[in-house]
PDB file of all heavy atoms in Angstrom:
ATOM      1  N   ASP A   1      92.177  97.325 107.425  1.00  0.00           N
ATOM      2  CA  ASP A   1      91.275  96.808 106.392  1.00  0.00           C
ATOM      3  C   ASP A   1      89.929  96.443 107.008  1.00  0.00           C
ATOM      4  O   ASP A   1      88.869  96.683 106.422  1.00  0.00           O
ATOM      5  CB  ASP A   1      91.890  95.573 105.712  1.00  0.00           C
ATOM      6  CG  ASP A   1      93.036  95.935 104.773  1.00  0.00           C
ATOM      7  OD1 ASP A   1      93.131  97.120 104.386  1.00  0.00           O
ATOM      8  OD2 ASP A   1      93.831  95.040 104.426  1.00  0.00           O
ATOM      9  N   TYR A   2      89.963  95.839 108.203  1.00  0.00           N
ATOM     10  CA  TYR A   2      88.713  95.529 108.902  1.00  0.00           C
ATOM     11  C   TYR A   2      88.088  96.800 109.479  1.00  0.00           C
ATOM     12  O   TYR A   2      86.867  96.955 109.501  1.00  0.00           O
ATOM     13  CB  TYR A   2      88.971  94.508 110.015  1.00  0.00           C
ATOM     14  CG  TYR A   2      88.840  93.078 109.548  1.00  0.00           C
ATOM     15  CD1 TYR A   2      89.921  92.409 108.995  1.00  0.00           C
ATOM     16  CD2 TYR A   2      87.632  92.399 109.639  1.00  0.00           C
ATOM     17  CE1 TYR A   2      89.809  91.101 108.545  1.00  0.00           C
ATOM     18  CE2 TYR A   2      87.501  91.094 109.202  1.00  0.00           C
ATOM     19  CZ  TYR A   2      88.600  90.454 108.648  1.00  0.00           C
ATOM     20  OH  TYR A   2      88.466  89.162 108.190  1.00  0.00           O
ATOM     21  N   GLY A   3      88.930  97.716 109.942  1.00  0.00           N
ATOM     22  CA  GLY A   3      88.425  98.963 110.504  1.00  0.00           C
ATOM     23  C   GLY A   3      87.663  99.805 109.505  1.00  0.00           C
ATOM     24  O   GLY A   3      86.780 100.583 109.887  1.00  0.00           O
ATOM     25  N   MET A   4      87.961  99.648 108.203  1.00  0.00           N
ATOM     26  CA  MET A   4      87.272 100.424 107.164  1.00  0.00           C
ATOM     27  C   MET A   4      85.766 100.176 107.166  1.00  0.00           C
ATOM     28  O   MET A   4      84.990 101.023 106.732  1.00  0.00           O
ATOM     29  CB  MET A   4      87.844 100.092 105.783  1.00  0.00           C
ATOM     30  CG  MET A   4      89.203 100.690 105.493  1.00  0.00           C
ATOM     31  SD  MET A   4      89.706 100.518 103.753  1.00  0.00           S
ATOM     32  CE  MET A   4      89.750  98.733 103.557  1.00  0.00           C
ATOM     33  N   TYR A   5      85.358  98.981 107.648  1.00  0.00           N
ATOM     34  CA  TYR A   5      83.930  98.658 107.658  1.00  0.00           C
ATOM     35  C   TYR A   5      83.174  99.444 108.722  1.00  0.00           C
ATOM     36  O   TYR A   5      81.953  99.564 108.670  1.00  0.00           O
ATOM     37  CB  TYR A   5      83.734  97.152 107.888  1.00  0.00           C
ATOM     38  CG  TYR A   5      84.013  96.323 106.661  1.00  0.00           C
ATOM     39  CD1 TYR A   5      85.323  96.048 106.266  1.00  0.00           C
ATOM     40  CD2 TYR A   5      82.984  95.837 105.876  1.00  0.00           C
ATOM     41  CE1 TYR A   5      85.586  95.287 105.139  1.00  0.00           C
ATOM     42  CE2 TYR A   5      83.235  95.077 104.739  1.00  0.00           C
ATOM     43  CZ  TYR A   5      84.542  94.814 104.377  1.00  0.00           C
ATOM     44  OH  TYR A   5      84.798  94.073 103.250  1.00  0.00           O
ATOM     45  N   LEU A   6      83.914  99.956 109.701  1.00  0.00           N
ATOM     46  CA  LEU A   6      83.287 100.739 110.762  1.00  0.00           C
ATOM     47  C   LEU A   6      83.569 102.234 110.640  1.00  0.00           C
ATOM     48  O   LEU A   6      82.813 103.055 111.150  1.00  0.00           O
ATOM     49  CB  LEU A   6      83.798 100.250 112.133  1.00  0.00           C
ATOM     50  CG  LEU A   6      83.459  98.815 112.535  1.00  0.00           C
ATOM     51  CD1 LEU A   6      84.079  98.495 113.887  1.00  0.00           C
ATOM     52  CD2 LEU A   6      81.943  98.604 112.594  1.00  0.00           C
ATOM     53  N   TRP A   7      84.670 102.568 109.946  1.00  0.00           N
ATOM     54  CA  TRP A   7      85.113 103.961 109.941  1.00  0.00           C
ATOM     55  C   TRP A   7      85.861 104.251 108.638  1.00  0.00           C
ATOM     56  O   TRP A   7      86.853 103.626 108.336  1.00  0.00           O
ATOM     57  CB  TRP A   7      86.024 104.175 111.159  1.00  0.00           C
ATOM     58  CG  TRP A   7      86.627 105.533 111.286  1.00  0.00           C
ATOM     59  CD1 TRP A   7      85.990 106.727 111.185  1.00  0.00           C
ATOM     60  CD2 TRP A   7      87.996 105.831 111.557  1.00  0.00           C
ATOM     61  NE1 TRP A   7      86.874 107.750 111.375  1.00  0.00           N
ATOM     62  CE2 TRP A   7      88.111 107.233 111.599  1.00  0.00           C
ATOM     63  CE3 TRP A   7      89.132 105.048 111.768  1.00  0.00           C
ATOM     64  CZ2 TRP A   7      89.331 107.867 111.847  1.00  0.00           C
ATOM     65  CZ3 TRP A   7      90.334 105.665 112.014  1.00  0.00           C
ATOM     66  CH2 TRP A   7      90.430 107.066 112.065  1.00  0.00           C
ATOM     67  N   HIS A   8      85.352 105.219 107.866  1.00  0.00           N
ATOM     68  CA  HIS A   8      85.944 105.540 106.565  1.00  0.00           C
ATOM     69  C   HIS A   8      87.351 106.124 106.693  1.00  0.00           C
ATOM     70  O   HIS A   8      88.127 106.086 105.733  1.00  0.00           O
ATOM     71  CB  HIS A   8      85.046 106.513 105.799  1.00  0.00           C
ATOM     72  CG  HIS A   8      83.751 105.902 105.359  1.00  0.00           C
ATOM     73  ND1 HIS A   8      83.693 104.802 104.524  1.00  0.00           N
ATOM     74  CD2 HIS A   8      82.457 106.222 105.641  1.00  0.00           C
ATOM     75  CE1 HIS A   8      82.434 104.468 104.308  1.00  0.00           C
ATOM     76  NE2 HIS A   8      81.662 105.303 104.983  1.00  0.00           N
ATOM     77  N   GLY A   9      87.689 106.644 107.849  1.00  0.00           N
ATOM     78  CA  GLY A   9      89.021 107.198 108.048  1.00  0.00           C
ATOM     79  C   GLY A   9      90.121 106.147 108.001  1.00  0.00           C
ATOM     80  O   GLY A   9      91.301 106.481 107.903  1.00  0.00           O
ATOM     81  N   ALA A  10      89.716 104.846 108.047  1.00  0.00           N
ATOM     82  CA  ALA A  10      90.707 103.776 107.998  1.00  0.00           C
ATOM     83  C   ALA A  10      91.111 103.420 106.576  1.00  0.00           C
ATOM     84  O   ALA A  10      91.969 102.560 106.371  1.00  0.00           O
ATOM     85  CB  ALA A  10      90.159 102.524 108.706  1.00  0.00           C
ATOM     86  N   GLU A  11      90.501 104.065 105.570  1.00  0.00           N
ATOM     87  CA  GLU A  11      90.857 103.782 104.184  1.00  0.00           C
ATOM     88  C   GLU A  11      92.281 104.267 103.894  1.00  0.00           C
ATOM     89  O   GLU A  11      92.782 105.187 104.549  1.00  0.00           O
ATOM     90  CB  GLU A  11      89.853 104.461 103.246  1.00  0.00           C
ATOM     91  CG  GLU A  11      88.445 103.894 103.368  1.00  0.00           C
ATOM     92  CD  GLU A  11      87.429 104.652 102.538  1.00  0.00           C
ATOM     93  OE1 GLU A  11      87.814 105.713 101.967  1.00  0.00           O
ATOM     94  OE2 GLU A  11      86.281 104.214 102.453  1.00  0.00           O
ATOM     95  N   PRO A  12      92.960 103.662 102.896  1.00  0.00           N
ATOM     96  CA  PRO A  12      94.345 104.039 102.587  1.00  0.00           C
ATOM     97  C   PRO A  12      94.485 105.540 102.335  1.00  0.00           C
ATOM     98  O   PRO A  12      93.650 106.153 101.672  1.00  0.00           O
ATOM     99  CB  PRO A  12      94.652 103.226 101.323  1.00  0.00           C
ATOM    100  CG  PRO A  12      93.755 102.034 101.410  1.00  0.00           C
ATOM    101  CD  PRO A  12      92.498 102.534 102.052  1.00  0.00           C
ATOM    102  N   GLY A  13      95.535 106.108 102.871  1.00  0.00           N
ATOM    103  CA  GLY A  13      95.788 107.535 102.726  1.00  0.00           C
ATOM    104  C   GLY A  13      96.613 108.064 103.882  1.00  0.00           C
ATOM    105  O   GLY A  13      97.055 107.309 104.757  1.00  0.00           O
ATOM    106  N   LEU A  14      96.790 109.368 103.892  1.00  0.00           N
ATOM    107  CA  LEU A  14      97.632 109.997 104.908  1.00  0.00           C
ATOM    108  C   LEU A  14      97.101 109.762 106.311  1.00  0.00           C
ATOM    109  O   LEU A  14      97.865 109.442 107.231  1.00  0.00           O
ATOM    110  CB  LEU A  14      97.739 111.505 104.628  1.00  0.00           C
ATOM    111  CG  LEU A  14      98.522 112.324 105.668  1.00  0.00           C
ATOM    112  CD1 LEU A  14      99.963 111.841 105.763  1.00  0.00           C
ATOM    113  CD2 LEU A  14      98.463 113.810 105.323  1.00  0.00           C
ATOM    114  N   PHE A  15      95.775 109.915 106.495  1.00  0.00           N
ATOM    115  CA  PHE A  15      95.219 109.774 107.838  1.00  0.00           C
ATOM    116  C   PHE A  15      95.391 108.349 108.357  1.00  0.00           C
ATOM    117  O   PHE A  15      95.687 108.132 109.524  1.00  0.00           O
ATOM    118  CB  PHE A  15      93.743 110.173 107.861  1.00  0.00           C
ATOM    119  CG  PHE A  15      93.208 110.347 109.247  1.00  0.00           C
ATOM    120  CD1 PHE A  15      93.582 111.437 110.019  1.00  0.00           C
ATOM    121  CD2 PHE A  15      92.355 109.404 109.808  1.00  0.00           C
ATOM    122  CE1 PHE A  15      93.097 111.596 111.315  1.00  0.00           C
ATOM    123  CE2 PHE A  15      91.872 109.553 111.090  1.00  0.00           C
ATOM    124  CZ  PHE A  15      92.251 110.655 111.844  1.00  0.00           C
ATOM    125  N   ARG A  16      95.212 107.375 107.455  1.00  0.00           N
ATOM    126  CA  ARG A  16      95.429 105.971 107.853  1.00  0.00           C
ATOM    127  C   ARG A  16      96.878 105.777 108.283  1.00  0.00           C
ATOM    128  O   ARG A  16      97.139 105.102 109.283  1.00  0.00           O
ATOM    129  CB  ARG A  16      95.081 105.038 106.699  1.00  0.00           C
ATOM    130  CG  ARG A  16      95.502 103.575 106.944  1.00  0.00           C
ATOM    131  CD  ARG A  16      94.882 102.683 105.910  1.00  0.00           C
ATOM    132  NE  ARG A  16      95.463 101.345 105.892  1.00  0.00           N
ATOM    133  CZ  ARG A  16      94.810 100.263 105.492  1.00  0.00           C
ATOM    134  NH1 ARG A  16      93.563 100.347 105.087  1.00  0.00           N
ATOM    135  NH2 ARG A  16      95.394  99.094 105.459  1.00  0.00           N
ATOM    136  N   ASN A  17      97.817 106.349 107.558  1.00  0.00           N
ATOM    137  CA  ASN A  17      99.231 106.227 107.919  1.00  0.00           C
ATOM    138  C   ASN A  17      99.510 106.834 109.291  1.00  0.00           C
ATOM    139  O   ASN A  17     100.285 106.288 110.079  1.00  0.00           O
ATOM    140  CB  ASN A  17     100.109 106.885 106.858  1.00  0.00           C
ATOM    141  CG  ASN A  17     100.131 106.096 105.557  1.00  0.00           C
ATOM    142  OD1 ASN A  17      99.757 104.928 105.515  1.00  0.00           O
ATOM    143  ND2 ASN A  17     100.561 106.739 104.483  1.00  0.00           N
ATOM    144  N   LEU A  18      98.856 107.955 109.561  1.00  0.00           N
ATOM    145  CA  LEU A  18      99.025 108.588 110.871  1.00  0.00           C
ATOM    146  C   LEU A  18      98.455 107.696 111.972  1.00  0.00           C
ATOM    147  O   LEU A  18      99.034 107.576 113.059  1.00  0.00           O
ATOM    148  CB  LEU A  18      98.348 109.955 110.901  1.00  0.00           C
ATOM    149  CG  LEU A  18      98.999 111.037 110.034  1.00  0.00           C
ATOM    150  CD1 LEU A  18      98.137 112.292 110.021  1.00  0.00           C
ATOM    151  CD2 LEU A  18     100.406 111.362 110.550  1.00  0.00           C
ATOM    152  N   MET A  19      97.322 107.051 111.692  1.00  0.00           N
ATOM    153  CA  MET A  19      96.712 106.164 112.668  1.00  0.00           C
ATOM    154  C   MET A  19      97.562 104.899 112.869  1.00  0.00           C
ATOM    155  O   MET A  19      97.648 104.365 113.982  1.00  0.00           O
ATOM    156  CB  MET A  19      95.294 105.781 112.235  1.00  0.00           C
ATOM    157  CG  MET A  19      94.304 106.936 112.309  1.00  0.00           C
ATOM    158  SD  MET A  19      94.238 107.685 113.969  1.00  0.00           S
ATOM    159  CE  MET A  19      93.666 106.293 114.945  1.00  0.00           C
ATOM    160  N   ILE A  20      98.181 104.403 111.797  1.00  0.00           N
ATOM    161  CA  ILE A  20      99.104 103.273 111.930  1.00  0.00           C
ATOM    162  C   ILE A  20     100.238 103.641 112.869  1.00  0.00           C
ATOM    163  O   ILE A  20     100.602 102.880 113.781  1.00  0.00           O
ATOM    164  CB  ILE A  20      99.648 102.844 110.549  1.00  0.00           C
ATOM    165  CG1 ILE A  20      98.567 102.103 109.753  1.00  0.00           C
ATOM    166  CG2 ILE A  20     100.889 101.954 110.701  1.00  0.00           C
ATOM    167  CD1 ILE A  20      98.961 101.776 108.320  1.00  0.00           C
ATOM    168  N   ALA A  21     100.796 104.839 112.659  1.00  0.00           N
ATOM    169  CA  ALA A  21     101.885 105.318 113.524  1.00  0.00           C
ATOM    170  C   ALA A  21     101.409 105.439 114.969  1.00  0.00           C
ATOM    171  O   ALA A  21     102.146 105.110 115.908  1.00  0.00           O
ATOM    172  CB  ALA A  21     102.404 106.659 113.020  1.00  0.00           C
ATOM    173  N   PHE A  22     100.160 105.880 115.147  1.00  0.00           N
ATOM    174  CA  PHE A  22      99.601 106.030 116.495  1.00  0.00           C
ATOM    175  C   PHE A  22      99.461 104.671 117.179  1.00  0.00           C
ATOM    176  O   PHE A  22      99.839 104.502 118.349  1.00  0.00           O
ATOM    177  CB  PHE A  22      98.243 106.725 116.427  1.00  0.00           C
ATOM    178  CG  PHE A  22      97.528 106.787 117.748  1.00  0.00           C
ATOM    179  CD1 PHE A  22      97.911 107.713 118.707  1.00  0.00           C
ATOM    180  CD2 PHE A  22      96.493 105.912 118.034  1.00  0.00           C
ATOM    181  CE1 PHE A  22      97.270 107.767 119.940  1.00  0.00           C
ATOM    182  CE2 PHE A  22      95.840 105.960 119.264  1.00  0.00           C
ATOM    183  CZ  PHE A  22      96.231 106.892 120.220  1.00  0.00           C
ATOM    184  N   VAL A  23      98.919 103.667 116.459  1.00  0.00           N
ATOM    185  CA  VAL A  23      98.718 102.335 117.038  1.00  0.00           C
ATOM    186  C   VAL A  23     100.052 101.696 117.405  1.00  0.00           C
ATOM    187  O   VAL A  23     100.238 101.189 118.520  1.00  0.00           O
ATOM    188  CB  VAL A  23      97.941 101.422 116.054  1.00  0.00           C
ATOM    189  CG1 VAL A  23      97.963  99.969 116.537  1.00  0.00           C
ATOM    190  CG2 VAL A  23      96.502 101.899 115.909  1.00  0.00           C
ATOM    191  N   VAL A  24     101.000 101.731 116.464  1.00  0.00           N
ATOM    192  CA  VAL A  24     102.315 101.130 116.723  1.00  0.00           C
ATOM    193  C   VAL A  24     103.021 101.878 117.851  1.00  0.00           C
ATOM    194  O   VAL A  24     103.627 101.259 118.742  1.00  0.00           O
ATOM    195  CB  VAL A  24     103.177 101.135 115.444  1.00  0.00           C
ATOM    196  CG1 VAL A  24     104.587 100.602 115.738  1.00  0.00           C
ATOM    197  CG2 VAL A  24     102.521 100.306 114.355  1.00  0.00           C
ATOM    198  N   GLY A  25     102.929 103.210 117.824  1.00  0.00           N
ATOM    199  CA  GLY A  25     103.551 104.009 118.874  1.00  0.00           C
ATOM    200  C   GLY A  25     102.958 103.730 120.243  1.00  0.00           C
ATOM    201  O   GLY A  25     103.686 103.632 121.240  1.00  0.00           O
ATOM    202  N   THR A  26     101.636 103.560 120.294  1.00  0.00           N
ATOM    203  CA  THR A  26     100.965 103.268 121.568  1.00  0.00           C
ATOM    204  C   THR A  26     101.404 101.920 122.127  1.00  0.00           C
ATOM    205  O   THR A  26     101.705 101.788 123.318  1.00  0.00           O
ATOM    206  CB  THR A  26      99.436 103.288 121.387  1.00  0.00           C
ATOM    207  OG1 THR A  26      99.027 104.575 120.925  1.00  0.00           O
ATOM    208  CG2 THR A  26      98.730 102.977 122.694  1.00  0.00           C
ATOM    209  N   LEU A  27     101.445 100.893 121.258  1.00  0.00           N
ATOM    210  CA  LEU A  27     101.893  99.575 121.700  1.00  0.00           C
ATOM    211  C   LEU A  27     103.341  99.614 122.184  1.00  0.00           C
ATOM    212  O   LEU A  27     103.703  98.951 123.162  1.00  0.00           O
ATOM    213  CB  LEU A  27     101.759  98.561 120.553  1.00  0.00           C
ATOM    214  CG  LEU A  27     100.334  98.143 120.190  1.00  0.00           C
ATOM    215  CD1 LEU A  27     100.327  97.325 118.902  1.00  0.00           C
ATOM    216  CD2 LEU A  27      99.698  97.337 121.312  1.00  0.00           C
ATOM    217  N   THR A  28     104.159 100.402 121.502  1.00  0.00           N
ATOM    218  CA  THR A  28     105.563 100.544 121.901  1.00  0.00           C
ATOM    219  C   THR A  28     105.668 101.183 123.279  1.00  0.00           C
ATOM    220  O   THR A  28     106.401 100.700 124.158  1.00  0.00           O
ATOM    221  CB  THR A  28     106.330 101.384 120.869  1.00  0.00           C
ATOM    222  OG1 THR A  28     106.265 100.745 119.589  1.00  0.00           O
ATOM    223  CG2 THR A  28     107.790 101.555 121.277  1.00  0.00           C
ATOM    224  N   ILE A  29     104.917 102.259 123.491  1.00  0.00           N
ATOM    225  CA  ILE A  29     104.951 102.964 124.776  1.00  0.00           C
ATOM    226  C   ILE A  29     104.448 102.066 125.909  1.00  0.00           C
ATOM    227  O   ILE A  29     105.025 102.025 127.001  1.00  0.00           O
ATOM    228  CB  ILE A  29     104.123 104.266 124.698  1.00  0.00           C
ATOM    229  CG1 ILE A  29     104.834 105.259 123.774  1.00  0.00           C
ATOM    230  CG2 ILE A  29     103.938 104.874 126.082  1.00  0.00           C
ATOM    231  CD1 ILE A  29     103.984 106.462 123.419  1.00  0.00           C
ATOM    232  N   ILE A  30     103.349 101.341 125.645  1.00  0.00           N
ATOM    233  CA  ILE A  30     102.805 100.435 126.662  1.00  0.00           C
ATOM    234  C   ILE A  30     103.859  99.420 127.082  1.00  0.00           C
ATOM    235  O   ILE A  30     104.030  99.122 128.276  1.00  0.00           O
ATOM    236  CB  ILE A  30     101.553  99.708 126.126  1.00  0.00           C
ATOM    237  CG1 ILE A  30     100.376 100.687 126.031  1.00  0.00           C
ATOM    238  CG2 ILE A  30     101.182  98.521 127.016  1.00  0.00           C
ATOM    239  CD1 ILE A  30      99.163 100.122 125.334  1.00  0.00           C
ATOM    240  N   ASN A  31     104.596  98.893 126.103  1.00  0.00           N
ATOM    241  CA  ASN A  31     105.619  97.893 126.412  1.00  0.00           C
ATOM    242  C   ASN A  31     106.825  98.493 127.123  1.00  0.00           C
ATOM    243  O   ASN A  31     107.477  97.815 127.903  1.00  0.00           O
ATOM    244  CB  ASN A  31     106.055  97.172 125.130  1.00  0.00           C
ATOM    245  CG  ASN A  31     105.146  96.021 124.771  1.00  0.00           C
ATOM    246  OD1 ASN A  31     105.389  94.889 125.150  1.00  0.00           O
ATOM    247  ND2 ASN A  31     104.066  96.327 124.065  1.00  0.00           N
ATOM    248  N   ILE A  32     107.109  99.758 126.859  1.00  0.00           N
ATOM    249  CA  ILE A  32     108.193 100.424 127.581  1.00  0.00           C
ATOM    250  C   ILE A  32     107.797 100.628 129.041  1.00  0.00           C
ATOM    251  O   ILE A  32     108.615 100.452 129.953  1.00  0.00           O
ATOM    252  CB  ILE A  32     108.552 101.777 126.923  1.00  0.00           C
ATOM    253  CG1 ILE A  32     109.263 101.528 125.578  1.00  0.00           C
ATOM    254  CG2 ILE A  32     109.458 102.606 127.836  1.00  0.00           C
ATOM    255  CD1 ILE A  32     109.540 102.790 124.786  1.00  0.00           C
ATOM    256  N   TYR A  33     106.533 100.941 129.273  1.00  0.00           N
ATOM    257  CA  TYR A  33     106.063 101.200 130.630  1.00  0.00           C
ATOM    258  C   TYR A  33     105.868  99.929 131.449  1.00  0.00           C
ATOM    259  O   TYR A  33     105.727  99.985 132.660  1.00  0.00           O
ATOM    260  CB  TYR A  33     104.741 101.985 130.588  1.00  0.00           C
ATOM    261  CG  TYR A  33     104.940 103.470 130.479  1.00  0.00           C
ATOM    262  CD1 TYR A  33     105.293 104.046 129.272  1.00  0.00           C
ATOM    263  CD2 TYR A  33     104.784 104.301 131.584  1.00  0.00           C
ATOM    264  CE1 TYR A  33     105.487 105.419 129.155  1.00  0.00           C
ATOM    265  CE2 TYR A  33     104.975 105.681 131.485  1.00  0.00           C
ATOM    266  CZ  TYR A  33     105.332 106.228 130.269  1.00  0.00           C
ATOM    267  OH  TYR A  33     105.539 107.580 130.161  1.00  0.00           O
ATOM    268  N   GLY A  34     105.816  98.779 130.810  1.00  0.00           N
ATOM    269  CA  GLY A  34     105.641  97.527 131.551  1.00  0.00           C
ATOM    270  C   GLY A  34     104.688  96.600 130.834  1.00  0.00           C
ATOM    271  O   GLY A  34     103.828  97.049 130.084  1.00  0.00           O
ATOM    272  N   VAL A  35     104.803  95.279 131.080  1.00  0.00           N
ATOM    273  CA  VAL A  35     104.071  94.325 130.256  1.00  0.00           C
ATOM    274  C   VAL A  35     103.240  93.301 131.038  1.00  0.00           C
ATOM    275  O   VAL A  35     102.632  92.430 130.436  1.00  0.00           O
ATOM    276  CB  VAL A  35     105.051  93.550 129.343  1.00  0.00           C
ATOM    277  CG1 VAL A  35     105.714  94.495 128.369  1.00  0.00           C
ATOM    278  CG2 VAL A  35     106.091  92.802 130.158  1.00  0.00           C
ATOM    279  N   LYS A  36     103.194  93.409 132.357  1.00  0.00           N
ATOM    280  CA  LYS A  36     102.473  92.374 133.114  1.00  0.00           C
ATOM    281  C   LYS A  36     101.009  92.259 132.695  1.00  0.00           C
ATOM    282  O   LYS A  36     100.495  91.177 132.420  1.00  0.00           O
ATOM    283  CB  LYS A  36     102.562  92.669 134.614  1.00  0.00           C
ATOM    284  CG  LYS A  36     103.913  92.286 135.223  1.00  0.00           C
ATOM    285  CD  LYS A  36     103.870  92.407 136.732  1.00  0.00           C
ATOM    286  CE  LYS A  36     105.182  91.927 137.356  1.00  0.00           C
ATOM    287  NZ  LYS A  36     105.164  92.021 138.823  1.00  0.00           N
ATOM    288  N   LYS A  37     100.324  93.416 132.639  1.00  0.00           N
ATOM    289  CA  LYS A  37      98.911  93.395 132.257  1.00  0.00           C
ATOM    290  C   LYS A  37      98.751  93.029 130.787  1.00  0.00           C
ATOM    291  O   LYS A  37      97.788  92.361 130.392  1.00  0.00           O
ATOM    292  CB  LYS A  37      98.278  94.751 132.545  1.00  0.00           C
ATOM    293  CG  LYS A  37      98.148  95.049 134.037  1.00  0.00           C
ATOM    294  CD  LYS A  37      97.451  96.374 134.285  1.00  0.00           C
ATOM    295  CE  LYS A  37      97.311  96.635 135.784  1.00  0.00           C
ATOM    296  NZ  LYS A  37      96.658  97.951 136.056  1.00  0.00           N
ATOM    297  N   ALA A  38      99.705  93.468 129.957  1.00  0.00           N
ATOM    298  CA  ALA A  38      99.639  93.163 128.529  1.00  0.00           C
ATOM    299  C   ALA A  38      99.717  91.661 128.289  1.00  0.00           C
ATOM    300  O   ALA A  38      98.993  91.108 127.462  1.00  0.00           O
ATOM    301  CB  ALA A  38     100.762  93.880 127.784  1.00  0.00           C
ATOM    302  N   VAL A  39     100.586  90.987 129.022  1.00  0.00           N
ATOM    303  CA  VAL A  39     100.726  89.537 128.865  1.00  0.00           C
ATOM    304  C   VAL A  39      99.427  88.830 129.234  1.00  0.00           C
ATOM    305  O   VAL A  39      98.978  87.908 128.552  1.00  0.00           O
ATOM    306  CB  VAL A  39     101.895  89.013 129.733  1.00  0.00           C
ATOM    307  CG1 VAL A  39     101.891  87.491 129.762  1.00  0.00           C
ATOM    308  CG2 VAL A  39     103.221  89.516 129.187  1.00  0.00           C
ATOM    309  N   GLY A  40      98.793  89.265 130.312  1.00  0.00           N
ATOM    310  CA  GLY A  40      97.512  88.681 130.709  1.00  0.00           C
ATOM    311  C   GLY A  40      96.445  88.892 129.654  1.00  0.00           C
ATOM    312  O   GLY A  40      95.658  87.993 129.349  1.00  0.00           O
ATOM    313  N   ALA A  41      96.430  90.095 129.065  1.00  0.00           N
ATOM    314  CA  ALA A  41      95.439  90.408 128.028  1.00  0.00           C
ATOM    315  C   ALA A  41      95.664  89.542 126.789  1.00  0.00           C
ATOM    316  O   ALA A  41      94.705  89.066 126.163  1.00  0.00           O
ATOM    317  CB  ALA A  41      95.525  91.882 127.654  1.00  0.00           C
ATOM    318  N   ILE A  42      96.916  89.319 126.428  1.00  0.00           N
ATOM    319  CA  ILE A  42      97.227  88.489 125.265  1.00  0.00           C
ATOM    320  C   ILE A  42      96.706  87.069 125.470  1.00  0.00           C
ATOM    321  O   ILE A  42      96.126  86.462 124.564  1.00  0.00           O
ATOM    322  CB  ILE A  42      98.753  88.476 125.006  1.00  0.00           C
ATOM    323  CG1 ILE A  42      99.214  89.860 124.523  1.00  0.00           C
ATOM    324  CG2 ILE A  42      99.117  87.413 123.974  1.00  0.00           C
ATOM    325  CD1 ILE A  42     100.715  90.023 124.521  1.00  0.00           C
ATOM    326  N   SER A  43      96.893  86.532 126.670  1.00  0.00           N
ATOM    327  CA  SER A  43      96.416  85.173 126.959  1.00  0.00           C
ATOM    328  C   SER A  43      94.899  85.082 126.822  1.00  0.00           C
ATOM    329  O   SER A  43      94.366  84.129 126.256  1.00  0.00           O
ATOM    330  CB  SER A  43      96.844  84.766 128.374  1.00  0.00           C
ATOM    331  OG  SER A  43      98.244  84.751 128.492  1.00  0.00           O
ATOM    332  N   ILE A  44      94.205  86.087 127.339  1.00  0.00           N
ATOM    333  CA  ILE A  44      92.738  86.100 127.244  1.00  0.00           C
ATOM    334  C   ILE A  44      92.297  86.200 125.784  1.00  0.00           C
ATOM    335  O   ILE A  44      91.410  85.470 125.326  1.00  0.00           O
ATOM    336  CB  ILE A  44      92.157  87.272 128.064  1.00  0.00           C
ATOM    337  CG1 ILE A  44      92.410  87.035 129.569  1.00  0.00           C
ATOM    338  CG2 ILE A  44      90.663  87.425 127.797  1.00  0.00           C
ATOM    339  CD1 ILE A  44      92.092  88.231 130.435  1.00  0.00           C
ATOM    340  N   LEU A  45      92.928  87.106 125.015  1.00  0.00           N
ATOM    341  CA  LEU A  45      92.566  87.310 123.618  1.00  0.00           C
ATOM    342  C   LEU A  45      92.815  86.048 122.791  1.00  0.00           C
ATOM    343  O   LEU A  45      92.091  85.784 121.825  1.00  0.00           O
ATOM    344  CB  LEU A  45      93.351  88.489 123.028  1.00  0.00           C
ATOM    345  CG  LEU A  45      92.912  89.878 123.512  1.00  0.00           C
ATOM    346  CD1 LEU A  45      93.941  90.936 123.113  1.00  0.00           C
ATOM    347  CD2 LEU A  45      91.547  90.230 122.952  1.00  0.00           C
TER     348      LEU A  45
END
């Protein structure tokens, strides 16, 4: 919803659904590969 203000491809539809799958899939893969750096990033954020 916030991304729509920067990029029209984030509007509801098939492409948005594909991007949702990409974001969730990427976070899943990152966590499978290890989380030390991710934990540090979360604390900073």
